[in-house]
Amino acid sequence: ASLYAGYLFGDLMKGRFYRGPSLLAAGNIDRDKVVKTVRG
């Protein structure tokens, strides 16, 4: 859960000052069940 939350948090916080890891580093995120559930 910490790993998923960290990547989701990185995607949400991407902006002018923060360029941290995102879910794109984990591969195809659109097919992940957990990501779909959380974003839905």
Full PDB file with SEQRES, HELIX, SHEET, SSBOND, CRYST1, ORIGX, SCALE, CONECT and MASTER records, all heavy atoms in Angstrom:
SEQRES   1 A   40  ALA SER LEU TYR ALA GLY TYR LEU PHE GLY ASP LEU MET          
SEQRES   2 A   40  LYS GLY ARG PHE TYR ARG GLY PRO SER LEU LEU ALA ALA          
SEQRES   3 A   40  GLY ASN ILE ASP ARG ASP LYS VAL VAL LYS THR VAL ARG          
SEQRES   4 A   40  GLY                                                          
HELIX    1 AA1 SER A    2  MET A   13  1                                  12    
HELIX    2 AA2 LEU A   23  ALA A   26  5                                   4    
HELIX    3 AA3 ILE A   29  ARG A   31  5                                   3    
HELIX    4 AA4 LYS A   33  ARG A   39  1                                   7    
CRYST1    1.000    1.000    1.000  90.00  90.00  90.00 P 1           1          
ORIGX1      1.000000  0.000000  0.000000        0.00000                         
ORIGX2      0.000000  1.000000  0.000000        0.00000                         
ORIGX3      0.000000  0.000000  1.000000        0.00000                         
SCALE1      1.000000  0.000000  0.000000        0.00000                         
SCALE2      0.000000  1.000000  0.000000        0.00000                         
SCALE3      0.000000  0.000000  1.000000        0.00000                         
ATOM      1  N   ALA A   1       0.831  -1.206   0.000  1.00  0.00           N  
ATOM      2  CA  ALA A   1       0.000   0.000   0.000  1.00  0.00           C  
ATOM      3  C   ALA A   1       0.861   1.249   0.000  1.00  0.00           C  
ATOM      4  O   ALA A   1       0.532   2.239  -0.661  1.00  0.00           O  
ATOM      5  CB  ALA A   1      -0.937  -0.004   1.201  1.00  0.00           C  
ATOM      6  N   SER A   2       1.976   1.221   0.727  1.00  0.00           N  
ATOM      7  CA  SER A   2       2.884   2.372   0.740  1.00  0.00           C  
ATOM      8  C   SER A   2       3.492   2.612  -0.631  1.00  0.00           C  
ATOM      9  O   SER A   2       3.647   3.761  -1.057  1.00  0.00           O  
ATOM     10  CB  SER A   2       4.000   2.156   1.760  1.00  0.00           C  
ATOM     11  OG  SER A   2       3.489   2.159   3.057  1.00  0.00           O  
ATOM     12  N   LEU A   3       3.831   1.532  -1.333  1.00  0.00           N  
ATOM     13  CA  LEU A   3       4.388   1.681  -2.680  1.00  0.00           C  
ATOM     14  C   LEU A   3       3.359   2.277  -3.637  1.00  0.00           C  
ATOM     15  O   LEU A   3       3.663   3.223  -4.373  1.00  0.00           O  
ATOM     16  CB  LEU A   3       4.876   0.333  -3.205  1.00  0.00           C  
ATOM     17  CG  LEU A   3       6.129  -0.219  -2.557  1.00  0.00           C  
ATOM     18  CD1 LEU A   3       6.375  -1.650  -3.025  1.00  0.00           C  
ATOM     19  CD2 LEU A   3       7.323   0.654  -2.873  1.00  0.00           C  
ATOM     20  N   TYR A   4       2.154   1.712  -3.640  1.00  0.00           N  
ATOM     21  CA  TYR A   4       1.104   2.251  -4.495  1.00  0.00           C  
ATOM     22  C   TYR A   4       0.783   3.697  -4.137  1.00  0.00           C  
ATOM     23  O   TYR A   4       0.658   4.550  -5.009  1.00  0.00           O  
ATOM     24  CB  TYR A   4      -0.176   1.418  -4.392  1.00  0.00           C  
ATOM     25  CG  TYR A   4      -0.241   0.249  -5.335  1.00  0.00           C  
ATOM     26  CD1 TYR A   4      -0.093  -1.049  -4.871  1.00  0.00           C  
ATOM     27  CD2 TYR A   4      -0.476   0.439  -6.684  1.00  0.00           C  
ATOM     28  CE1 TYR A   4      -0.166  -2.133  -5.729  1.00  0.00           C  
ATOM     29  CE2 TYR A   4      -0.550  -0.642  -7.555  1.00  0.00           C  
ATOM     30  CZ  TYR A   4      -0.392  -1.917  -7.068  1.00  0.00           C  
ATOM     31  OH  TYR A   4      -0.466  -2.978  -7.925  1.00  0.00           O  
ATOM     32  N   ALA A   5       0.632   3.978  -2.844  1.00  0.00           N  
ATOM     33  CA  ALA A   5       0.317   5.338  -2.417  1.00  0.00           C  
ATOM     34  C   ALA A   5       1.430   6.299  -2.790  1.00  0.00           C  
ATOM     35  O   ALA A   5       1.173   7.437  -3.192  1.00  0.00           O  
ATOM     36  CB  ALA A   5       0.070   5.372  -0.910  1.00  0.00           C  
ATOM     37  N   GLY A   6       2.676   5.849  -2.682  1.00  0.00           N  
ATOM     38  CA  GLY A   6       3.800   6.703  -3.054  1.00  0.00           C  
ATOM     39  C   GLY A   6       3.783   7.066  -4.525  1.00  0.00           C  
ATOM     40  O   GLY A   6       4.000   8.222  -4.897  1.00  0.00           O  
ATOM     41  N   TYR A   7       3.510   6.095  -5.384  1.00  0.00           N  
ATOM     42  CA  TYR A   7       3.454   6.383  -6.813  1.00  0.00           C  
ATOM     43  C   TYR A   7       2.241   7.243  -7.172  1.00  0.00           C  
ATOM     44  O   TYR A   7       2.337   8.170  -7.967  1.00  0.00           O  
ATOM     45  CB  TYR A   7       3.453   5.093  -7.629  1.00  0.00           C  
ATOM     46  CG  TYR A   7       4.820   4.507  -7.803  1.00  0.00           C  
ATOM     47  CD1 TYR A   7       5.125   3.246  -7.337  1.00  0.00           C  
ATOM     48  CD2 TYR A   7       5.830   5.224  -8.434  1.00  0.00           C  
ATOM     49  CE1 TYR A   7       6.385   2.702  -7.489  1.00  0.00           C  
ATOM     50  CE2 TYR A   7       7.092   4.704  -8.590  1.00  0.00           C  
ATOM     51  CZ  TYR A   7       7.371   3.440  -8.117  1.00  0.00           C  
ATOM     52  OH  TYR A   7       8.619   2.918  -8.269  1.00  0.00           O  
ATOM     53  N   LEU A   8       1.090   6.945  -6.574  1.00  0.00           N  
ATOM     54  CA  LEU A   8      -0.091   7.777  -6.821  1.00  0.00           C  
ATOM     55  C   LEU A   8       0.127   9.195  -6.312  1.00  0.00           C  
ATOM     56  O   LEU A   8      -0.258  10.170  -6.960  1.00  0.00           O  
ATOM     57  CB  LEU A   8      -1.325   7.150  -6.164  1.00  0.00           C  
ATOM     58  CG  LEU A   8      -1.881   5.911  -6.846  1.00  0.00           C  
ATOM     59  CD1 LEU A   8      -2.837   5.185  -5.916  1.00  0.00           C  
ATOM     60  CD2 LEU A   8      -2.572   6.279  -8.138  1.00  0.00           C  
ATOM     61  N   PHE A   9       0.760   9.309  -5.153  1.00  0.00           N  
ATOM     62  CA  PHE A   9       1.072  10.618  -4.584  1.00  0.00           C  
ATOM     63  C   PHE A   9       2.036  11.369  -5.500  1.00  0.00           C  
ATOM     64  O   PHE A   9       1.875  12.573  -5.725  1.00  0.00           O  
ATOM     65  CB  PHE A   9       1.688  10.426  -3.192  1.00  0.00           C  
ATOM     66  CG  PHE A   9       1.954  11.696  -2.451  1.00  0.00           C  
ATOM     67  CD1 PHE A   9       0.925  12.358  -1.807  1.00  0.00           C  
ATOM     68  CD2 PHE A   9       3.230  12.220  -2.369  1.00  0.00           C  
ATOM     69  CE1 PHE A   9       1.166  13.529  -1.103  1.00  0.00           C  
ATOM     70  CE2 PHE A   9       3.480  13.380  -1.670  1.00  0.00           C  
ATOM     71  CZ  PHE A   9       2.446  14.038  -1.036  1.00  0.00           C  
ATOM     72  N   GLY A  10       3.031  10.663  -6.033  1.00  0.00           N  
ATOM     73  CA  GLY A  10       3.970  11.295  -6.961  1.00  0.00           C  
ATOM     74  C   GLY A  10       3.271  11.819  -8.200  1.00  0.00           C  
ATOM     75  O   GLY A  10       3.590  12.907  -8.688  1.00  0.00           O  
ATOM     76  N   ASP A  11       2.301  11.065  -8.714  1.00  0.00           N  
ATOM     77  CA  ASP A  11       1.534  11.543  -9.865  1.00  0.00           C  
ATOM     78  C   ASP A  11       0.702  12.771  -9.522  1.00  0.00           C  
ATOM     79  O   ASP A  11       0.607  13.711 -10.305  1.00  0.00           O  
ATOM     80  CB  ASP A  11       0.607  10.444 -10.378  1.00  0.00           C  
ATOM     81  CG  ASP A  11       1.276   9.532 -11.379  1.00  0.00           C  
ATOM     82  OD1 ASP A  11       2.415   9.829 -11.795  1.00  0.00           O  
ATOM     83  OD2 ASP A  11       0.657   8.523 -11.737  1.00  0.00           O  
ATOM     84  N   LEU A  12       0.085  12.766  -8.344  1.00  0.00           N  
ATOM     85  CA  LEU A  12      -0.742  13.908  -7.948  1.00  0.00           C  
ATOM     86  C   LEU A  12       0.082  15.155  -7.654  1.00  0.00           C  
ATOM     87  O   LEU A  12      -0.378  16.269  -7.892  1.00  0.00           O  
ATOM     88  CB  LEU A  12      -1.566  13.553  -6.705  1.00  0.00           C  
ATOM     89  CG  LEU A  12      -2.747  12.629  -6.902  1.00  0.00           C  
ATOM     90  CD1 LEU A  12      -3.396  12.319  -5.561  1.00  0.00           C  
ATOM     91  CD2 LEU A  12      -3.760  13.245  -7.841  1.00  0.00           C  
ATOM     92  N   MET A  13       1.280  14.988  -7.139  1.00  0.00           N  
ATOM     93  CA  MET A  13       2.090  16.132  -6.724  1.00  0.00           C  
ATOM     94  C   MET A  13       3.021  16.664  -7.811  1.00  0.00           C  
ATOM     95  O   MET A  13       3.738  17.618  -7.575  1.00  0.00           O  
ATOM     96  CB  MET A  13       2.919  15.765  -5.491  1.00  0.00           C  
ATOM     97  CG  MET A  13       2.110  15.643  -4.248  1.00  0.00           C  
ATOM     98  SD  MET A  13       1.377  17.243  -3.861  1.00  0.00           S  
ATOM     99  CE  MET A  13       0.226  16.775  -2.612  1.00  0.00           C  
ATOM    100  N   LYS A  14       3.008  16.052  -8.977  1.00  0.00           N  
ATOM    101  CA  LYS A  14       3.862  16.564 -10.053  1.00  0.00           C  
ATOM    102  C   LYS A  14       3.427  17.989 -10.389  1.00  0.00           C  
ATOM    103  O   LYS A  14       2.272  18.245 -10.669  1.00  0.00           O  
ATOM    104  CB  LYS A  14       3.749  15.694 -11.283  1.00  0.00           C  
ATOM    105  CG  LYS A  14       4.603  14.486 -11.198  1.00  0.00           C  
ATOM    106  CD  LYS A  14       5.206  14.192 -12.532  1.00  0.00           C  
ATOM    107  CE  LYS A  14       5.905  12.884 -12.561  1.00  0.00           C  
ATOM    108  NZ  LYS A  14       6.965  12.704 -11.661  1.00  0.00           N  
ATOM    109  N   GLY A  15       4.370  18.885 -10.353  1.00  0.00           N  
ATOM    110  CA  GLY A  15       4.069  20.276 -10.636  1.00  0.00           C  
ATOM    111  C   GLY A  15       5.344  21.032 -10.962  1.00  0.00           C  
ATOM    112  O   GLY A  15       6.321  20.466 -11.446  1.00  0.00           O  
ATOM    113  N   ARG A  16       5.337  22.314 -10.650  1.00  0.00           N  
ATOM    114  CA  ARG A  16       6.494  23.154 -10.958  1.00  0.00           C  
ATOM    115  C   ARG A  16       7.722  22.787 -10.147  1.00  0.00           C  
ATOM    116  O   ARG A  16       8.836  22.900 -10.627  1.00  0.00           O  
ATOM    117  CB  ARG A  16       6.164  24.617 -10.702  1.00  0.00           C  
ATOM    118  CG  ARG A  16       5.278  25.220 -11.741  1.00  0.00           C  
ATOM    119  CD  ARG A  16       5.173  26.683 -11.539  1.00  0.00           C  
ATOM    120  NE  ARG A  16       4.528  26.928 -10.253  1.00  0.00           N  
ATOM    121  CZ  ARG A  16       4.120  28.104  -9.861  1.00  0.00           C  
ATOM    122  NH1 ARG A  16       4.289  29.148 -10.609  1.00  0.00           N  
ATOM    123  NH2 ARG A  16       3.547  28.253  -8.694  1.00  0.00           N  
ATOM    124  N   PHE A  17       7.532  22.359  -8.898  1.00  0.00           N  
ATOM    125  CA  PHE A  17       8.661  22.165  -8.006  1.00  0.00           C  
ATOM    126  C   PHE A  17       9.016  20.709  -7.737  1.00  0.00           C  
ATOM    127  O   PHE A  17      10.110  20.415  -7.298  1.00  0.00           O  
ATOM    128  CB  PHE A  17       8.413  22.875  -6.669  1.00  0.00           C  
ATOM    129  CG  PHE A  17       8.247  24.340  -6.824  1.00  0.00           C  
ATOM    130  CD1 PHE A  17       6.992  24.923  -6.762  1.00  0.00           C  
ATOM    131  CD2 PHE A  17       9.340  25.149  -7.059  1.00  0.00           C  
ATOM    132  CE1 PHE A  17       6.837  26.275  -6.916  1.00  0.00           C  
ATOM    133  CE2 PHE A  17       9.192  26.506  -7.214  1.00  0.00           C  
ATOM    134  CZ  PHE A  17       7.939  27.076  -7.149  1.00  0.00           C  
ATOM    135  N   TYR A  18       8.096  19.804  -7.974  1.00  0.00           N  
ATOM    136  CA  TYR A  18       8.341  18.407  -7.630  1.00  0.00           C  
ATOM    137  C   TYR A  18       8.286  17.539  -8.877  1.00  0.00           C  
ATOM    138  O   TYR A  18       7.303  17.539  -9.603  1.00  0.00           O  
ATOM    139  CB  TYR A  18       7.323  17.913  -6.608  1.00  0.00           C  
ATOM    140  CG  TYR A  18       7.540  16.480  -6.202  1.00  0.00           C  
ATOM    141  CD1 TYR A  18       8.658  16.121  -5.468  1.00  0.00           C  
ATOM    142  CD2 TYR A  18       6.651  15.492  -6.571  1.00  0.00           C  
ATOM    143  CE1 TYR A  18       8.877  14.805  -5.113  1.00  0.00           C  
ATOM    144  CE2 TYR A  18       6.857  14.180  -6.215  1.00  0.00           C  
ATOM    145  CZ  TYR A  18       7.975  13.845  -5.488  1.00  0.00           C  
ATOM    146  OH  TYR A  18       8.189  12.545  -5.144  1.00  0.00           O  
ATOM    147  N   ARG A  19       9.333  16.780  -9.104  1.00  0.00           N  
ATOM    148  CA  ARG A  19       9.414  15.883 -10.257  1.00  0.00           C  
ATOM    149  C   ARG A  19       9.808  14.482  -9.795  1.00  0.00           C  
ATOM    150  O   ARG A  19      10.764  13.906 -10.265  1.00  0.00           O  
ATOM    151  CB  ARG A  19      10.461  16.382 -11.241  1.00  0.00           C  
ATOM    152  CG  ARG A  19      10.243  17.771 -11.714  1.00  0.00           C  
ATOM    153  CD  ARG A  19       9.486  17.762 -13.017  1.00  0.00           C  
ATOM    154  NE  ARG A  19       9.437  19.095 -13.563  1.00  0.00           N  
ATOM    155  CZ  ARG A  19       8.331  19.744 -13.776  1.00  0.00           C  
ATOM    156  NH1 ARG A  19       7.181  19.200 -13.482  1.00  0.00           N  
ATOM    157  NH2 ARG A  19       8.344  20.952 -14.281  1.00  0.00           N  
ATOM    158  N   GLY A  20       9.093  13.943  -8.855  1.00  0.00           N  
ATOM    159  CA  GLY A  20       9.425  12.648  -8.270  1.00  0.00           C  
ATOM    160  C   GLY A  20       8.944  11.480  -9.100  1.00  0.00           C  
ATOM    161  O   GLY A  20       8.470  11.644 -10.226  1.00  0.00           O  
ATOM    162  N   PRO A  21       9.050  10.281  -8.545  1.00  0.00           N  
ATOM    163  CA  PRO A  21       8.632   9.083  -9.287  1.00  0.00           C  
ATOM    164  C   PRO A  21       7.125   9.071  -9.511  1.00  0.00           C  
ATOM    165  O   PRO A  21       6.360   9.582  -8.713  1.00  0.00           O  
ATOM    166  CB  PRO A  21       9.053   7.935  -8.377  1.00  0.00           C  
ATOM    167  CG  PRO A  21       9.120   8.526  -7.032  1.00  0.00           C  
ATOM    168  CD  PRO A  21       9.520   9.965  -7.210  1.00  0.00           C  
ATOM    169  N   SER A  22       6.738   8.495 -10.627  1.00  0.00           N  
ATOM    170  CA  SER A  22       5.319   8.394 -10.918  1.00  0.00           C  
ATOM    171  C   SER A  22       4.996   6.949 -11.278  1.00  0.00           C  
ATOM    172  O   SER A  22       5.884   6.105 -11.373  1.00  0.00           O  
ATOM    173  CB  SER A  22       4.933   9.327 -12.063  1.00  0.00           C  
ATOM    174  OG  SER A  22       5.483   8.860 -13.272  1.00  0.00           O  
ATOM    175  N   LEU A  23       3.752   6.686 -11.510  1.00  0.00           N  
ATOM    176  CA  LEU A  23       3.319   5.339 -11.856  1.00  0.00           C  
ATOM    177  C   LEU A  23       3.796   4.905 -13.233  1.00  0.00           C  
ATOM    178  O   LEU A  23       3.786   3.731 -13.545  1.00  0.00           O  
ATOM    179  CB  LEU A  23       1.804   5.258 -11.799  1.00  0.00           C  
ATOM    180  CG  LEU A  23       1.224   5.118 -10.404  1.00  0.00           C  
ATOM    181  CD1 LEU A  23      -0.288   5.265 -10.452  1.00  0.00           C  
ATOM    182  CD2 LEU A  23       1.585   3.786  -9.811  1.00  0.00           C  
ATOM    183  N   LEU A  24       4.204   5.837 -14.060  1.00  0.00           N  
ATOM    184  CA  LEU A  24       4.683   5.465 -15.391  1.00  0.00           C  
ATOM    185  C   LEU A  24       5.937   4.606 -15.299  1.00  0.00           C  
ATOM    186  O   LEU A  24       6.215   3.817 -16.188  1.00  0.00           O  
ATOM    187  CB  LEU A  24       4.950   6.718 -16.222  1.00  0.00           C  
ATOM    188  CG  LEU A  24       3.712   7.540 -16.560  1.00  0.00           C  
ATOM    189  CD1 LEU A  24       4.095   8.797 -17.317  1.00  0.00           C  
ATOM    190  CD2 LEU A  24       2.715   6.714 -17.335  1.00  0.00           C  
ATOM    191  N   ALA A  25       6.677   4.746 -14.216  1.00  0.00           N  
ATOM    192  CA  ALA A  25       7.879   3.933 -14.032  1.00  0.00           C  
ATOM    193  C   ALA A  25       7.531   2.473 -13.762  1.00  0.00           C  
ATOM    194  O   ALA A  25       8.359   1.586 -13.938  1.00  0.00           O  
ATOM    195  CB  ALA A  25       8.704   4.479 -12.873  1.00  0.00           C  
ATOM    196  N   ALA A  26       6.304   2.217 -13.349  1.00  0.00           N  
ATOM    197  CA  ALA A  26       5.881   0.857 -13.015  1.00  0.00           C  
ATOM    198  C   ALA A  26       5.334   0.092 -14.217  1.00  0.00           C  
ATOM    199  O   ALA A  26       4.945  -1.056 -14.077  1.00  0.00           O  
ATOM    200  CB  ALA A  26       4.827   0.907 -11.910  1.00  0.00           C  
ATOM    201  N   GLY A  27       5.276   0.710 -15.379  1.00  0.00           N  
ATOM    202  CA  GLY A  27       4.761   0.029 -16.559  1.00  0.00           C  
ATOM    203  C   GLY A  27       3.398   0.554 -16.952  1.00  0.00           C  
ATOM    204  O   GLY A  27       3.078   1.714 -16.748  1.00  0.00           O  
ATOM    205  N   ASN A  28       2.562  -0.305 -17.499  1.00  0.00           N  
ATOM    206  CA  ASN A  28       1.226   0.076 -17.960  1.00  0.00           C  
ATOM    207  C   ASN A  28       0.278   0.146 -16.767  1.00  0.00           C  
ATOM    208  O   ASN A  28      -0.223  -0.867 -16.292  1.00  0.00           O  
ATOM    209  CB  ASN A  28       0.727  -0.920 -18.996  1.00  0.00           C  
ATOM    210  CG  ASN A  28      -0.528  -0.440 -19.675  1.00  0.00           C  
ATOM    211  OD1 ASN A  28      -1.069   0.602 -19.334  1.00  0.00           O  
ATOM    212  ND2 ASN A  28      -0.993  -1.206 -20.637  1.00  0.00           N  
ATOM    213  N   ILE A  29       0.009   1.354 -16.318  1.00  0.00           N  
ATOM    214  CA  ILE A  29      -0.802   1.528 -15.115  1.00  0.00           C  
ATOM    215  C   ILE A  29      -2.290   1.419 -15.371  1.00  0.00           C  
ATOM    216  O   ILE A  29      -3.065   1.199 -14.446  1.00  0.00           O  
ATOM    217  CB  ILE A  29      -0.502   2.872 -14.439  1.00  0.00           C  
ATOM    218  CG1 ILE A  29      -0.792   4.011 -15.406  1.00  0.00           C  
ATOM    219  CG2 ILE A  29       0.913   2.923 -13.938  1.00  0.00           C  
ATOM    220  CD1 ILE A  29      -0.863   5.346 -14.754  1.00  0.00           C  
ATOM    221  N   ASP A  30      -2.704   1.572 -16.616  1.00  0.00           N  
ATOM    222  CA  ASP A  30      -4.135   1.553 -16.911  1.00  0.00           C  
ATOM    223  C   ASP A  30      -4.754   0.181 -16.699  1.00  0.00           C  
ATOM    224  O   ASP A  30      -5.956   0.059 -16.549  1.00  0.00           O  
ATOM    225  CB  ASP A  30      -4.375   1.994 -18.357  1.00  0.00           C  
ATOM    226  CG  ASP A  30      -3.963   3.437 -18.571  1.00  0.00           C  
ATOM    227  OD1 ASP A  30      -4.083   4.225 -17.606  1.00  0.00           O  
ATOM    228  OD2 ASP A  30      -3.520   3.765 -19.677  1.00  0.00           O  
ATOM    229  N   ARG A  31      -3.940  -0.860 -16.671  1.00  0.00           N  
ATOM    230  CA  ARG A  31      -4.464  -2.215 -16.507  1.00  0.00           C  
ATOM    231  C   ARG A  31      -4.353  -2.723 -15.072  1.00  0.00           C  
ATOM    232  O   ARG A  31      -4.788  -3.829 -14.779  1.00  0.00           O  
ATOM    233  CB  ARG A  31      -3.719  -3.147 -17.455  1.00  0.00           C  
ATOM    234  CG  ARG A  31      -4.044  -2.791 -18.880  1.00  0.00           C  
ATOM    235  CD  ARG A  31      -3.178  -3.352 -19.944  1.00  0.00           C  
ATOM    236  NE  ARG A  31      -2.842  -4.751 -19.863  1.00  0.00           N  
ATOM    237  CZ  ARG A  31      -1.999  -5.327 -20.693  1.00  0.00           C  
ATOM    238  NH1 ARG A  31      -1.428  -4.627 -21.632  1.00  0.00           N  
ATOM    239  NH2 ARG A  31      -1.717  -6.596 -20.583  1.00  0.00           N  
ATOM    240  N   ASP A  32      -3.782  -1.947 -14.182  1.00  0.00           N  
ATOM    241  CA  ASP A  32      -3.613  -2.376 -12.794  1.00  0.00           C  
ATOM    242  C   ASP A  32      -4.931  -2.244 -12.036  1.00  0.00           C  
ATOM    243  O   ASP A  32      -5.552  -1.186 -12.029  1.00  0.00           O  
ATOM    244  CB  ASP A  32      -2.520  -1.548 -12.122  1.00  0.00           C  
ATOM    245  CG  ASP A  32      -2.107  -2.133 -10.810  1.00  0.00           C  
ATOM    246  OD1 ASP A  32      -2.863  -1.973  -9.831  1.00  0.00           O  
ATOM    247  OD2 ASP A  32      -1.032  -2.751 -10.750  1.00  0.00           O  
ATOM    248  N   LYS A  33      -5.332  -3.311 -11.376  1.00  0.00           N  
ATOM    249  CA  LYS A  33      -6.616  -3.353 -10.673  1.00  0.00           C  
ATOM    250  C   LYS A  33      -6.668  -2.359  -9.513  1.00  0.00           C  
ATOM    251  O   LYS A  33      -7.672  -1.676  -9.308  1.00  0.00           O  
ATOM    252  CB  LYS A  33      -6.866  -4.765 -10.168  1.00  0.00           C  
ATOM    253  CG  LYS A  33      -8.138  -4.919  -9.383  1.00  0.00           C  
ATOM    254  CD  LYS A  33      -8.252  -6.296  -8.776  1.00  0.00           C  
ATOM    255  CE  LYS A  33      -9.357  -6.299  -7.761  1.00  0.00           C  
ATOM    256  NZ  LYS A  33      -9.237  -7.338  -6.797  1.00  0.00           N  
ATOM    257  N   VAL A  34      -5.592  -2.275  -8.753  1.00  0.00           N  
ATOM    258  CA  VAL A  34      -5.578  -1.383  -7.586  1.00  0.00           C  
ATOM    259  C   VAL A  34      -5.669   0.072  -8.031  1.00  0.00           C  
ATOM    260  O   VAL A  34      -6.427   0.865  -7.463  1.00  0.00           O  
ATOM    261  CB  VAL A  34      -4.311  -1.629  -6.732  1.00  0.00           C  
ATOM    262  CG1 VAL A  34      -4.211  -0.619  -5.600  1.00  0.00           C  
ATOM    263  CG2 VAL A  34      -4.317  -3.035  -6.178  1.00  0.00           C  
ATOM    264  N   VAL A  35      -4.903   0.436  -9.045  1.00  0.00           N  
ATOM    265  CA  VAL A  35      -4.924   1.817  -9.538  1.00  0.00           C  
ATOM    266  C   VAL A  35      -6.304   2.164 -10.082  1.00  0.00           C  
ATOM    267  O   VAL A  35      -6.828   3.247  -9.816  1.00  0.00           O  
ATOM    268  CB  VAL A  35      -3.824   2.031 -10.601  1.00  0.00           C  
ATOM    269  CG1 VAL A  35      -3.937   3.402 -11.238  1.00  0.00           C  
ATOM    270  CG2 VAL A  35      -2.451   1.847  -9.988  1.00  0.00           C  
ATOM    271  N   LYS A  36      -6.911   1.247 -10.823  1.00  0.00           N  
ATOM    272  CA  LYS A  36      -8.267   1.479 -11.341  1.00  0.00           C  
ATOM    273  C   LYS A  36      -9.258   1.682 -10.197  1.00  0.00           C  
ATOM    274  O   LYS A  36     -10.109   2.564 -10.250  1.00  0.00           O  
ATOM    275  CB  LYS A  36      -8.736   0.288 -12.175  1.00  0.00           C  
ATOM    276  CG  LYS A  36      -8.217   0.244 -13.572  1.00  0.00           C  
ATOM    277  CD  LYS A  36      -8.901  -0.926 -14.265  1.00  0.00           C  
ATOM    278  CE  LYS A  36      -8.226  -1.320 -15.536  1.00  0.00           C  
ATOM    279  NZ  LYS A  36      -8.857  -2.482 -16.158  1.00  0.00           N  
ATOM    280  N   THR A  37      -9.146   0.846  -9.168  1.00  0.00           N  
ATOM    281  CA  THR A  37     -10.066   0.940  -8.031  1.00  0.00           C  
ATOM    282  C   THR A  37      -9.899   2.254  -7.286  1.00  0.00           C  
ATOM    283  O   THR A  37     -10.880   2.923  -6.951  1.00  0.00           O  
ATOM    284  CB  THR A  37      -9.846  -0.241  -7.060  1.00  0.00           C  
ATOM    285  OG1 THR A  37      -9.964  -1.464  -7.778  1.00  0.00           O  
ATOM    286  CG2 THR A  37     -10.840  -0.218  -5.927  1.00  0.00           C  
ATOM    287  N   VAL A  38      -8.652   2.632  -7.044  1.00  0.00           N  
ATOM    288  CA  VAL A  38      -8.398   3.873  -6.302  1.00  0.00           C  
ATOM    289  C   VAL A  38      -8.845   5.083  -7.108  1.00  0.00           C  
ATOM    290  O   VAL A  38      -9.537   5.961  -6.598  1.00  0.00           O  
ATOM    291  CB  VAL A  38      -6.902   3.977  -5.921  1.00  0.00           C  
ATOM    292  CG1 VAL A  38      -6.576   5.356  -5.389  1.00  0.00           C  
ATOM    293  CG2 VAL A  38      -6.546   2.923  -4.896  1.00  0.00           C  
ATOM    294  N   ARG A  39      -8.459   5.139  -8.364  1.00  0.00           N  
ATOM    295  CA  ARG A  39      -8.834   6.288  -9.195  1.00  0.00           C  
ATOM    296  C   ARG A  39     -10.323   6.332  -9.492  1.00  0.00           C  
ATOM    297  O   ARG A  39     -10.872   7.396  -9.754  1.00  0.00           O  
ATOM    298  CB  ARG A  39      -8.040   6.277 -10.491  1.00  0.00           C  
ATOM    299  CG  ARG A  39      -6.611   6.676 -10.276  1.00  0.00           C  
ATOM    300  CD  ARG A  39      -5.894   6.856 -11.578  1.00  0.00           C  
ATOM    301  NE  ARG A  39      -4.562   7.388 -11.327  1.00  0.00           N  
ATOM    302  CZ  ARG A  39      -3.600   7.372 -12.214  1.00  0.00           C  
ATOM    303  NH1 ARG A  39      -3.807   6.861 -13.416  1.00  0.00           N  
ATOM    304  NH2 ARG A  39      -2.421   7.869 -11.915  1.00  0.00           N  
ATOM    305  N   GLY A  40     -10.993   5.198  -9.443  1.00  0.00           N  
ATOM    306  CA  GLY A  40     -12.426   5.151  -9.693  1.00  0.00           C  
ATOM    307  C   GLY A  40     -13.276   5.438  -8.467  1.00  0.00           C  
ATOM    308  O   GLY A  40     -14.492   5.576  -8.576  1.00  0.00           O  
TER     309      GLY A  40                                                      
MASTER        0    0    0    4    0    0    0    6  308    1    0    4          
END                                                                             
